[in-house]
Amino acid sequence: MPGRARTAELPAFLSSPNPWVRVTAQRLILERRDEAILAELRSLAVSGANALGRLHAVGTLEAWGRLDDAILEKSLRDPVPGIREYAVPLAGQ
């Protein structure tokens, strides 16, 4: 469970099929703000196998103020329509 996880383990929970686990992991990442996991979040956002994981990684990076143009552009071309839709308003900011 995310509450007992080390910060380095939290990005993996963003791909969980359980919504509570995903949201809790996202909250903990934002609370802890450990720069050591930024590379893993960026990787998950652009090349994660799970669409929910990609979506939550993008949302987490955006909430943290760490969403860069390369990740946003990749999200705008994601094969999953919901991720593209999520990225459109972010591109206008």
Protein backbone atom coordinates (compact mmCIF):
# COMPACT_ATOMS: atom_id res chain seq x y z
CA MET A 1 0.00 0.00 0.00
CA PRO A 2 1.24 3.50 -0.78
CA GLY A 3 1.09 4.80 2.79
CA ARG A 4 3.82 2.44 3.90
CA ALA A 5 5.90 2.77 0.74
CA ARG A 6 9.21 4.53 0.41
CA THR A 7 9.03 7.54 -1.89
CA ALA A 8 11.01 5.69 -4.57
CA GLU A 9 8.26 3.05 -4.70
CA LEU A 10 5.37 5.48 -5.15
CA PRO A 11 5.51 6.05 -8.94
CA ALA A 12 4.73 2.35 -9.53
CA PHE A 13 1.47 2.79 -7.60
CA LEU A 14 0.30 5.37 -10.17
CA SER A 15 -0.43 2.45 -12.51
CA SER A 16 -2.57 0.55 -10.03
CA PRO A 17 -6.04 -0.56 -11.18
CA ASN A 18 -7.31 0.66 -7.78
CA PRO A 19 -8.28 4.37 -7.91
CA TRP A 20 -7.66 4.89 -4.18
CA VAL A 21 -4.12 3.53 -4.51
CA ARG A 22 -3.38 5.80 -7.51
CA VAL A 23 -4.73 8.94 -5.85
CA THR A 24 -3.03 8.18 -2.54
CA ALA A 25 0.31 7.61 -4.25
CA GLN A 26 -0.11 10.85 -6.17
CA ARG A 27 -0.92 12.75 -2.97
CA LEU A 28 2.09 11.29 -1.16
CA ILE A 29 4.40 12.15 -4.05
CA LEU A 30 3.19 15.74 -3.96
CA GLU A 31 3.48 15.95 -0.19
CA ARG A 32 6.99 14.49 -0.07
CA ARG A 33 8.32 16.37 -3.13
CA ASP A 34 11.37 14.15 -3.40
CA GLU A 35 13.37 15.27 -6.43
CA ALA A 36 14.92 11.80 -6.67
CA ILE A 37 11.78 10.39 -8.34
CA LEU A 38 11.36 13.07 -11.02
CA ALA A 39 13.16 11.02 -13.67
CA GLU A 40 10.94 8.02 -12.97
CA LEU A 41 7.79 10.18 -13.13
CA ARG A 42 8.91 11.66 -16.44
CA SER A 43 9.64 8.21 -17.83
CA LEU A 44 6.27 6.91 -16.68
CA ALA A 45 4.51 9.92 -18.24
CA VAL A 46 5.98 9.35 -21.69
CA SER A 47 6.49 5.62 -21.94
CA GLY A 48 4.54 3.87 -19.21
CA ALA A 49 2.75 0.74 -20.40
CA ASN A 50 -0.38 1.58 -18.42
CA ALA A 51 -2.54 4.51 -19.60
CA LEU A 52 -3.70 5.31 -16.06
CA GLY A 53 -0.09 5.44 -14.92
CA ARG A 54 0.79 7.83 -17.76
CA LEU A 55 -2.20 10.02 -16.95
CA HIS A 56 -1.42 10.19 -13.23
CA ALA A 57 2.26 10.82 -13.90
CA VAL A 58 1.38 13.76 -16.16
CA GLY A 59 -1.06 15.09 -13.57
CA THR A 60 1.48 14.72 -10.79
CA LEU A 61 4.18 16.52 -12.77
CA GLU A 62 1.74 19.30 -13.63
CA ALA A 63 0.64 19.72 -10.00
CA TRP A 64 4.29 19.78 -8.93
CA GLY A 65 5.08 22.43 -11.55
CA ARG A 66 7.47 20.04 -13.31
CA LEU A 67 5.56 19.30 -16.52
CA ASP A 68 7.87 20.22 -19.39
CA ASP A 69 7.11 20.82 -23.06
CA ALA A 70 8.54 17.47 -24.21
CA ILE A 71 6.24 15.49 -21.92
CA LEU A 72 3.27 17.67 -22.80
CA GLU A 73 3.90 17.21 -26.53
CA LYS A 74 4.16 13.44 -26.06
CA SER A 75 0.90 13.46 -24.10
CA LEU A 76 -0.82 15.40 -26.87
CA ARG A 77 0.11 12.52 -29.23
CA ASP A 78 -0.72 9.70 -26.82
CA PRO A 79 -2.68 6.82 -28.41
CA VAL A 80 -5.28 7.06 -25.63
CA PRO A 81 -7.82 9.82 -26.33
CA GLY A 82 -8.36 10.59 -22.63
CA ILE A 83 -4.70 11.44 -22.16
CA ARG A 84 -4.74 13.71 -25.20
CA GLU A 85 -7.89 15.41 -23.86
CA TYR A 86 -6.27 15.89 -20.46
CA ALA A 87 -3.19 17.44 -22.08
CA VAL A 88 -5.03 19.97 -24.27
CA PRO A 89 -5.89 22.47 -21.51
CA LEU A 90 -2.41 22.05 -20.03
CA ALA A 91 -0.94 23.10 -23.38
CA GLY A 92 -2.88 26.36 -23.20
CA GLN A 93 -1.37 27.39 -19.86
